[in-house]
N, C-alpha and C. Protein backbone atom coordinates (compact mmCIF):
# COMPACT_ATOMS: atom_id res chain seq x y z
N MET A 1 -17.88 5.48 3.87
CA MET A 1 -16.62 4.74 3.20
C MET A 1 -17.49 3.14 3.43
N ALA A 2 -17.45 2.40 2.34
CA ALA A 2 -17.87 1.03 2.53
C ALA A 2 -17.05 0.28 3.47
N ASN A 3 -18.35 -0.74 3.87
CA ASN A 3 -17.54 -1.45 4.80
C ASN A 3 -16.64 -2.62 4.67
N TYR A 4 -16.30 -2.97 3.37
CA TYR A 4 -15.45 -3.76 3.13
C TYR A 4 -13.92 -3.31 3.15
N THR A 5 -13.85 -1.83 2.99
CA THR A 5 -12.60 -1.11 3.50
C THR A 5 -12.46 -0.87 4.62
N ARG A 6 -13.48 -1.14 5.54
CA ARG A 6 -13.37 -1.23 7.58
C ARG A 6 -12.91 -2.18 7.67
N ASP A 7 -13.71 -3.51 7.32
CA ASP A 7 -12.85 -5.14 7.71
C ASP A 7 -12.20 -5.69 6.74
N VAL A 8 -10.79 -5.22 7.14
CA VAL A 8 -9.70 -5.88 6.22
C VAL A 8 -9.73 -7.37 6.48
N HIS A 9 -10.29 -7.80 7.49
CA HIS A 9 -10.30 -9.43 7.45
C HIS A 9 -10.84 -10.18 6.53
N VAL A 10 -11.73 -9.41 5.70
CA VAL A 10 -12.40 -10.20 4.63
C VAL A 10 -11.18 -10.67 3.75
N TYR A 11 -10.29 -10.01 3.64
CA TYR A 11 -9.41 -10.43 2.67
C TYR A 11 -8.19 -11.37 3.76
N ASP A 12 -8.33 -12.00 4.98
CA ASP A 12 -7.44 -12.90 5.11
C ASP A 12 -7.37 -13.76 4.40
N GLY A 13 -6.35 -14.56 4.13
CA GLY A 13 -5.99 -15.55 3.32
C GLY A 13 -6.15 -15.77 1.76
N THR A 14 -7.01 -14.67 1.10
CA THR A 14 -7.55 -14.12 -0.13
C THR A 14 -6.03 -14.18 -1.57
N PHE A 15 -5.10 -13.64 -0.61
CA PHE A 15 -3.99 -13.62 -1.70
C PHE A 15 -2.67 -14.16 -1.14
N LYS A 16 -2.71 -15.59 -0.50
CA LYS A 16 -2.12 -16.27 -0.06
C LYS A 16 -0.78 -16.51 -0.96
N ASN A 17 -1.00 -16.98 -2.40
CA ASN A 17 -0.45 -17.36 -3.15
C ASN A 17 0.17 -16.58 -4.12
N GLU A 18 -0.20 -15.24 -4.10
CA GLU A 18 0.23 -13.79 -4.79
C GLU A 18 1.47 -13.24 -4.86
N TRP A 19 1.72 -13.58 -3.67
CA TRP A 19 3.21 -12.27 -3.31
C TRP A 19 4.47 -13.12 -3.83
N LYS A 20 4.87 -12.42 -4.41
CA LYS A 20 6.42 -12.79 -4.71
C LYS A 20 7.08 -11.43 -4.09
N ASN A 21 8.16 -11.91 -3.23
CA ASN A 21 8.78 -11.05 -2.74
C ASN A 21 10.56 -10.90 -3.76
N THR A 22 10.20 -10.14 -4.76
CA THR A 22 11.28 -9.98 -5.80
C THR A 22 12.48 -9.22 -5.33
N LEU A 23 11.87 -8.24 -4.74
CA LEU A 23 13.41 -7.25 -4.40
C LEU A 23 14.42 -7.78 -3.07
N ASN A 24 13.77 -8.28 -2.02
CA ASN A 24 14.30 -8.99 -0.95
C ASN A 24 15.07 -7.32 -0.47
N LEU A 25 14.72 -6.55 -0.30
CA LEU A 25 15.32 -5.01 0.24
C LEU A 25 15.53 -5.47 1.79
N THR A 26 16.91 -5.17 2.30
CA THR A 26 17.78 -5.18 3.51
C THR A 26 16.53 -4.17 4.52
N ILE A 27 16.90 -4.20 5.80
CA ILE A 27 16.01 -3.52 6.76
C ILE A 27 16.98 -2.15 6.53
N GLU A 28 17.82 -1.95 6.60
CA GLU A 28 18.09 -0.58 6.36
C GLU A 28 18.20 0.04 5.00
N GLU A 29 17.59 -0.74 3.89
CA GLU A 29 16.96 -0.18 2.48
C GLU A 29 15.59 0.16 2.67
N LYS A 30 14.91 -0.61 3.77
CA LYS A 30 13.39 -0.53 3.65
C LYS A 30 13.17 1.02 4.51
N LYS A 31 14.45 0.94 5.45
CA LYS A 31 14.45 2.13 6.54
C LYS A 31 14.46 3.97 5.72
N HIS A 32 15.64 3.60 4.69
CA HIS A 32 15.82 4.58 3.93
C HIS A 32 14.68 5.03 2.98
N LEU A 33 14.05 4.07 2.32
CA LEU A 33 12.75 4.24 1.20
C LEU A 33 11.75 4.67 1.92
N PHE A 34 10.87 4.16 3.43
CA PHE A 34 10.37 4.58 4.55
C PHE A 34 10.30 6.14 4.92
N ASP A 35 11.70 6.53 5.30
CA ASP A 35 12.34 7.93 5.76
C ASP A 35 12.06 8.90 4.37
N LEU A 36 12.35 8.58 2.94
CA LEU A 36 11.34 9.02 1.97
C LEU A 36 10.58 9.50 1.94
N LEU A 37 9.27 8.52 1.99
CA LEU A 37 8.17 8.25 2.07
C LEU A 37 7.79 9.19 3.52
N MET A 38 8.66 9.41 4.63
CA MET A 38 7.65 10.04 5.55
C MET A 38 7.75 11.41 5.17
N GLU A 39 8.59 11.85 4.20
CA GLU A 39 8.74 13.19 4.18
C GLU A 39 7.74 13.75 2.95
N LEU A 40 7.42 12.92 2.42
CA LEU A 40 5.88 13.38 1.42
C LEU A 40 4.65 13.04 2.07
N LEU A 41 4.27 12.32 3.45
CA LEU A 41 3.07 12.39 3.03
C LEU A 41 2.34 13.65 4.15
N ASN A 42 1.42 13.73 3.93
CA ASN A 42 0.83 15.24 4.71
C ASN A 42 -0.19 14.66 5.81
N ASP A 43 -0.55 13.53 5.60
CA ASP A 43 -1.69 13.42 6.84
C ASP A 43 -1.04 12.77 7.95
N ASP A 44 -1.27 13.35 9.30
CA ASP A 44 -0.31 12.77 10.16
C ASP A 44 -0.69 11.74 10.72
N ASN A 45 -1.93 10.70 10.69
CA ASN A 45 -2.47 9.79 10.86
C ASN A 45 -1.59 8.73 9.98
N ALA A 46 -1.50 9.12 8.70
CA ALA A 46 -0.58 8.42 7.95
C ALA A 46 0.64 7.93 7.97
N LYS A 47 1.38 9.25 8.72
CA LYS A 47 2.73 9.18 9.43
C LYS A 47 2.49 8.64 10.46
N LYS A 48 1.78 8.36 11.31
CA LYS A 48 1.80 7.63 12.56
C LYS A 48 1.91 5.67 11.95
N GLY A 49 0.93 5.63 11.27
CA GLY A 49 0.88 4.39 10.44
C GLY A 49 2.11 4.02 9.66
N LEU A 50 2.61 4.87 9.22
CA LEU A 50 4.18 4.20 8.76
C LEU A 50 4.94 4.35 9.81
N ALA A 51 5.32 5.09 10.79
CA ALA A 51 5.96 4.97 12.13
C ALA A 51 6.13 3.39 12.61
N LEU A 52 4.43 2.71 12.79
CA LEU A 52 4.36 1.75 13.39
C LEU A 52 5.08 0.74 12.65
N ILE A 53 5.18 1.04 11.03
CA ILE A 53 5.46 -0.18 9.79
C ILE A 53 6.83 -0.32 10.35
N LYS A 54 7.53 0.72 10.35
CA LYS A 54 9.11 1.12 10.37
C LYS A 54 9.77 0.60 11.38
N ARG A 55 8.78 1.02 12.52
CA ARG A 55 9.53 0.35 14.05
C ARG A 55 9.21 -1.00 14.13
N ASP A 56 8.52 -1.87 13.18
CA ASP A 56 8.40 -3.22 13.29
C ASP A 56 8.88 -3.98 12.31
N ILE A 57 9.66 -3.50 11.27
CA ILE A 57 10.24 -4.29 10.26
C ILE A 57 10.77 -5.31 10.68
N GLY A 58 10.46 -6.73 10.08
CA GLY A 58 10.90 -7.71 10.76
C GLY A 58 10.41 -8.64 11.71
N THR A 59 9.80 -8.37 12.29
CA THR A 59 8.69 -8.58 13.45
C THR A 59 7.52 -9.17 13.08
N PRO A 60 6.95 -9.84 13.65
CA PRO A 60 5.73 -10.86 13.66
C PRO A 60 4.42 -9.60 13.67
N GLN A 61 4.94 -8.24 14.20
CA GLN A 61 3.51 -7.52 14.05
C GLN A 61 3.54 -6.78 12.81
N ASN A 62 4.67 -7.19 11.71
CA ASN A 62 4.40 -6.98 10.33
C ASN A 62 3.98 -7.92 9.47
N PHE A 63 3.88 -9.11 9.93
CA PHE A 63 3.31 -10.28 9.52
C PHE A 63 2.13 -10.86 9.24
N ASP A 64 1.40 -11.36 7.85
CA ASP A 64 0.26 -11.64 8.40
C ASP A 64 0.14 -13.34 7.73
N PRO A 65 0.12 -14.09 8.66
CA PRO A 65 0.71 -15.65 8.07
C PRO A 65 -0.68 -16.16 7.47
N SER A 66 -1.86 -15.38 7.54
CA SER A 66 -2.90 -15.72 6.61
C SER A 66 -2.53 -15.58 5.00
N ASN A 67 -2.11 -14.47 4.63
CA ASN A 67 -1.48 -14.49 3.60
C ASN A 67 -0.18 -14.42 3.27
N ASN A 68 0.79 -14.94 4.11
CA ASN A 68 2.06 -15.13 4.09
C ASN A 68 2.92 -14.16 3.26
N ILE A 69 2.31 -12.79 3.97
CA ILE A 69 2.97 -11.64 3.51
C ILE A 69 3.48 -10.84 4.74
N CYS A 70 4.33 -10.06 4.38
CA CYS A 70 5.10 -8.73 5.15
C CYS A 70 4.60 -7.25 5.22
N ALA A 71 4.26 -6.95 5.38
CA ALA A 71 3.91 -5.31 5.60
C ALA A 71 4.99 -4.58 4.66
N ASP A 72 6.08 -4.52 5.84
CA ASP A 72 7.26 -3.87 5.59
C ASP A 72 8.10 -4.32 4.14
N ASP A 73 7.81 -5.98 3.30
CA ASP A 73 8.14 -6.26 2.45
C ASP A 73 7.09 -5.29 1.09
N VAL A 74 5.96 -5.22 1.97
CA VAL A 74 5.16 -4.68 0.68
C VAL A 74 5.23 -3.21 0.14
N LEU A 75 5.05 -2.61 1.46
CA LEU A 75 5.86 -1.24 1.36
C LEU A 75 6.53 -0.79 0.55
N GLY A 76 7.82 -1.64 1.19
CA GLY A 76 9.29 -1.36 0.32
C GLY A 76 8.84 -1.65 -1.05
N HIS A 77 8.60 -2.54 -1.61
CA HIS A 77 7.96 -2.54 -3.08
C HIS A 77 7.33 -1.25 -3.50
N ILE A 78 6.54 -1.02 -3.05
CA ILE A 78 5.82 0.50 -3.49
C ILE A 78 6.73 1.51 -3.50
N CYS A 79 7.31 1.86 -2.33
CA CYS A 79 8.11 2.89 -2.47
C CYS A 79 9.26 2.80 -3.18
N TYR A 80 9.82 1.77 -3.56
CA TYR A 80 10.80 1.40 -4.68
C TYR A 80 10.35 1.63 -5.78
N GLU A 81 9.09 1.21 -6.00
CA GLU A 81 8.24 2.25 -7.33
C GLU A 81 8.14 3.32 -7.49
N MET A 82 8.11 3.94 -6.32
CA MET A 82 7.90 5.25 -6.02
C MET A 82 9.29 6.23 -6.47
N PHE A 83 9.95 5.44 -5.87
CA PHE A 83 11.19 6.57 -6.16
C PHE A 83 12.44 5.88 -6.97
N CYS A 84 12.18 4.76 -7.81
CA CYS A 84 13.03 4.37 -8.24
C CYS A 84 12.76 4.38 -10.19
N ASP A 85 11.59 4.97 -10.09
CA ASP A 85 10.95 4.97 -11.45
C ASP A 85 10.82 4.07 -12.47
N LYS A 86 10.67 3.00 -11.76
CA LYS A 86 9.95 1.49 -12.30
C LYS A 86 8.56 1.22 -12.43
N TYR A 87 7.92 1.59 -13.37
CA TYR A 87 6.25 1.20 -13.48
C TYR A 87 6.17 0.15 -14.45
N SER A 88 5.28 -0.74 -14.12
CA SER A 88 4.16 -1.62 -15.01
C SER A 88 3.46 -0.93 -15.55
N ASN A 89 2.93 -1.39 -16.62
CA ASN A 89 1.77 -0.97 -17.01
C ASN A 89 0.62 -2.11 -16.84
N LYS A 90 -0.55 -1.64 -16.72
CA LYS A 90 -1.60 -2.27 -16.74
C LYS A 90 -3.04 -1.68 -17.50
N GLU A 91 -3.77 -2.88 -17.68
CA GLU A 91 -5.18 -2.33 -18.34
C GLU A 91 -6.24 -1.72 -17.61
N LYS A 92 -6.42 -0.80 -18.25
CA LYS A 92 -7.50 0.54 -17.52
C LYS A 92 -8.38 -0.13 -16.85
N ALA A 93 -9.16 -1.00 -17.20
CA ALA A 93 -10.14 -1.84 -16.81
C ALA A 93 -10.09 -2.74 -15.47
N GLU A 94 -8.55 -3.31 -15.66
CA GLU A 94 -8.29 -3.92 -14.29
C GLU A 94 -7.80 -2.86 -13.19
N ILE A 95 -6.84 -1.81 -13.68
CA ILE A 95 -6.54 -1.09 -12.57
C ILE A 95 -7.66 -0.25 -11.99
N TYR A 96 -8.79 -0.35 -12.98
CA TYR A 96 -9.87 0.60 -12.34
C TYR A 96 -10.97 -0.65 -11.59
N SER A 97 -11.02 -1.58 -11.79
CA SER A 97 -11.38 -2.66 -10.96
C SER A 97 -10.75 -3.07 -9.44
N ILE A 98 -9.36 -2.94 -9.66
CA ILE A 98 -8.67 -3.01 -8.51
C ILE A 98 -8.71 -1.67 -7.32
N LEU A 99 -8.94 -0.36 -8.18
CA LEU A 99 -8.59 0.59 -7.29
C LEU A 99 -10.06 1.22 -6.64
N SER A 100 -11.02 0.69 -7.19
CA SER A 100 -12.40 1.02 -6.81
C SER A 100 -12.73 0.31 -5.38
N LYS A 101 -11.68 -0.83 -5.19
CA LYS A 101 -11.91 -1.19 -3.81
C LYS A 101 -11.11 -1.07 -3.16
N VAL A 102 -9.80 -0.35 -3.21
CA VAL A 102 -9.14 0.20 -2.45
C VAL A 102 -9.63 1.77 -1.97
N THR A 103 -9.93 2.61 -2.11
CA THR A 103 -10.47 3.65 -2.17
C THR A 103 -11.61 4.57 -2.40
N PRO A 104 -12.33 5.37 -1.70
CA PRO A 104 -13.38 6.08 -1.87
C PRO A 104 -13.06 7.11 -2.36
N SER A 105 -11.85 7.57 -3.17
CA SER A 105 -11.13 8.44 -3.91
C SER A 105 -10.98 7.69 -5.30
N TYR A 106 -11.48 7.04 -5.30
CA TYR A 106 -11.36 5.89 -6.89
C TYR A 106 -11.51 6.85 -8.43
N LYS A 107 -12.41 8.25 -7.98
CA LYS A 107 -12.45 8.47 -9.23
C LYS A 107 -11.37 9.73 -9.64
N LEU A 108 -10.48 10.03 -8.77
CA LEU A 108 -9.33 10.26 -8.93
C LEU A 108 -8.45 9.57 -10.03
N ILE A 109 -8.59 8.51 -9.38
CA ILE A 109 -7.62 7.43 -10.21
C ILE A 109 -8.42 6.83 -11.51
N TYR A 110 -9.46 7.16 -11.69
CA TYR A 110 -10.29 6.85 -13.00
C TYR A 110 -9.83 7.64 -13.81
N GLU A 111 -9.76 8.80 -13.34
CA GLU A 111 -9.34 10.51 -14.05
C GLU A 111 -8.08 10.26 -14.53
N TYR A 112 -6.99 9.79 -13.77
CA TYR A 112 -5.89 9.95 -13.94
C TYR A 112 -5.63 8.21 -15.32
N ILE A 113 -6.07 7.42 -15.22
CA ILE A 113 -6.23 6.44 -16.16
C ILE A 113 -6.67 6.60 -17.18
N ASN A 114 -7.76 7.72 -17.77
CA ASN A 114 -8.53 7.77 -18.39
C ASN A 114 -7.65 9.24 -18.87
N GLY A 115 -6.62 9.31 -18.81
CA GLY A 115 -5.39 10.36 -19.65
C GLY A 115 -5.62 11.93 -19.23
N ASN A 116 -6.67 11.87 -17.77
CA ASN A 116 -6.16 13.38 -17.13
C ASN A 116 -5.07 13.45 -16.70
N SER A 117 -4.41 14.71 -16.08
CA SER A 117 -2.48 15.14 -16.23
C SER A 117 -2.31 14.33 -14.48
N MET A 118 -3.15 13.83 -13.96
CA MET A 118 -2.53 13.20 -12.58
C MET A 118 -1.47 12.47 -13.00
N ASP A 119 0.04 12.44 -11.97
CA ASP A 119 1.15 11.98 -12.05
C ASP A 119 0.82 10.70 -11.06
N LEU A 120 1.41 9.54 -11.66
CA LEU A 120 1.33 8.47 -11.13
C LEU A 120 1.72 8.21 -9.48
N LYS A 121 2.79 9.03 -9.28
CA LYS A 121 3.40 9.27 -7.95
C LYS A 121 2.62 9.84 -7.26
N LYS A 122 2.03 11.15 -7.47
CA LYS A 122 1.12 11.75 -6.85
C LYS A 122 -0.19 10.92 -6.39
N THR A 123 -0.20 9.92 -7.52
CA THR A 123 -1.52 9.10 -7.15
C THR A 123 -1.45 7.80 -6.05
N LEU A 124 -0.11 7.48 -6.35
CA LEU A 124 0.17 6.30 -5.03
C LEU A 124 0.45 7.32 -3.85
N LEU A 125 0.70 8.32 -3.94
CA LEU A 125 1.20 8.93 -2.62
C LEU A 125 -0.25 9.59 -2.14
N MET A 126 -1.07 9.88 -3.11
CA MET A 126 -2.47 9.85 -2.36
C MET A 126 -3.06 8.30 -1.49
N MET A 127 -3.36 7.58 -2.58
CA MET A 127 -3.52 6.06 -2.07
C MET A 127 -2.84 5.61 -0.86
N LEU A 128 -1.34 6.17 -0.29
CA LEU A 128 -0.78 5.71 0.41
C LEU A 128 -1.01 6.64 1.66
N ASN A 129 -1.23 8.12 1.69
CA ASN A 129 -2.06 8.82 3.03
C ASN A 129 -3.28 8.27 3.29
N GLU A 130 -4.28 7.86 2.59
CA GLU A 130 -5.42 6.97 2.57
C GLU A 130 -5.22 5.87 3.34
N GLN A 131 -4.67 4.79 2.44
CA GLN A 131 -4.54 3.69 3.17
C GLN A 131 -3.80 3.52 4.84
N LEU A 132 -2.63 4.25 4.62
CA LEU A 132 -1.96 4.24 6.08
C LEU A 132 -2.45 5.05 7.03
N SER A 133 -3.57 5.92 7.20
CA SER A 133 -4.14 6.74 7.89
C SER A 133 -5.11 5.87 7.99
N ASP A 134 -6.21 5.17 7.11
CA ASP A 134 -6.78 3.89 7.56
C ASP A 134 -6.48 3.09 8.44
N MET A 135 -5.15 2.32 8.34
CA MET A 135 -5.03 1.39 8.92
C MET A 135 -4.43 1.75 10.42
N TYR A 136 -3.74 3.08 10.53
CA TYR A 136 -3.66 3.78 11.68
C TYR A 136 -4.86 3.66 12.38
N LEU A 137 -6.00 4.18 11.79
CA LEU A 137 -7.04 4.69 12.64
C LEU A 137 -8.50 3.68 12.95
N LEU A 138 -8.38 2.82 11.94
CA LEU A 138 -9.18 1.76 11.62
C LEU A 138 -8.69 0.29 12.62
N GLY A 139 -7.47 -0.30 12.40
CA GLY A 139 -6.80 -1.47 12.74
C GLY A 139 -5.51 -1.42 12.33
N THR A 140 -4.40 -1.63 13.58
CA THR A 140 -3.31 -2.02 13.29
C THR A 140 -2.98 -2.86 13.31
N CYS A 141 -3.11 -4.52 13.46
CA CYS A 141 -3.23 -5.65 13.18
C CYS A 141 -2.66 -6.10 11.81
N VAL A 142 -2.30 -6.88 11.88
CA VAL A 142 -1.34 -7.32 10.82
C VAL A 142 -2.19 -7.49 9.22
N SER A 143 -3.79 -7.74 9.75
CA SER A 143 -4.40 -7.65 8.42
C SER A 143 -4.48 -6.28 7.93
N GLY A 144 -4.76 -5.69 8.71
CA GLY A 144 -4.86 -3.92 8.68
C GLY A 144 -3.66 -3.56 7.89
N ARG A 145 -2.80 -4.09 8.94
CA ARG A 145 -1.02 -3.54 8.10
C ARG A 145 -1.11 -4.10 5.99
N CYS A 146 -1.21 -5.33 6.11
CA CYS A 146 -0.90 -5.99 4.87
C CYS A 146 -1.98 -5.63 3.70
N SER A 147 -3.46 -5.53 3.90
CA SER A 147 -4.11 -5.96 3.14
C SER A 147 -4.00 -4.52 2.82
N ARG A 148 -4.26 -3.45 3.36
CA ARG A 148 -4.29 -2.46 2.96
C ARG A 148 -3.13 -1.89 1.87
N LEU A 149 -2.06 -2.34 2.07
CA LEU A 149 -0.79 -2.10 1.36
C LEU A 149 -1.03 -2.66 0.11
N TRP A 150 -1.87 -3.96 -0.17
CA TRP A 150 -1.48 -5.09 -0.75
C TRP A 150 -2.49 -4.51 -1.97
N GLN A 151 -3.07 -3.83 -1.66
CA GLN A 151 -4.38 -3.21 -2.52
C GLN A 151 -3.51 -2.83 -3.56
N ILE A 152 -2.87 -1.39 -2.84
CA ILE A 152 -1.93 -0.39 -3.66
C ILE A 152 -0.49 -1.42 -4.50
N TYR A 153 -0.18 -2.23 -3.88
CA TYR A 153 0.76 -2.97 -4.79
C TYR A 153 0.50 -3.35 -5.77
N LYS A 154 -0.94 -3.94 -5.52
CA LYS A 154 -1.88 -4.66 -6.81
C LYS A 154 -2.00 -3.51 -7.80
N PHE A 155 -2.24 -2.39 -7.36
CA PHE A 155 -2.37 -1.30 -8.32
C PHE A 155 -0.78 -1.47 -9.61
N LEU A 156 -0.05 -1.53 -8.82
CA LEU A 156 1.21 -1.43 -9.59
C LEU A 156 1.89 -2.42 -10.56
N GLY A 157 1.14 -3.55 -10.24
CA GLY A 157 1.14 -4.25 -11.47
C GLY A 157 2.15 -5.27 -11.01
């Protein structure tokens, strides 16, 4: 794994003005979406990471002041996209550029983008398994929570 994926603090303050919480999900809505996601995760460490985010909904433990972003808001958006079938289209090159920085498994993403049969929900689930696990193992600080989820959110467009 490249060093930039381990040290998420390189992203501190870098996407401060990009986040727009357009859904404004309630705590109960987020909990419901996170419960749905928990059923699908197959990595124990990813489940532990998700449990931390769920436990800390609406608290400072999920809020990254350097980027003015909340992990449970971002994850809520991702889950909404996964479970509510509303996907935006992105240019192949832009998606590949973002994903090549997100995950060492980006070759699978590239194959999906270029027409192979991988389903977008499976792709998101793979990314969430990896990023939530990395968050749990490499750092559960607010930067670790938010930066890893932000990269997946950016994939969705």
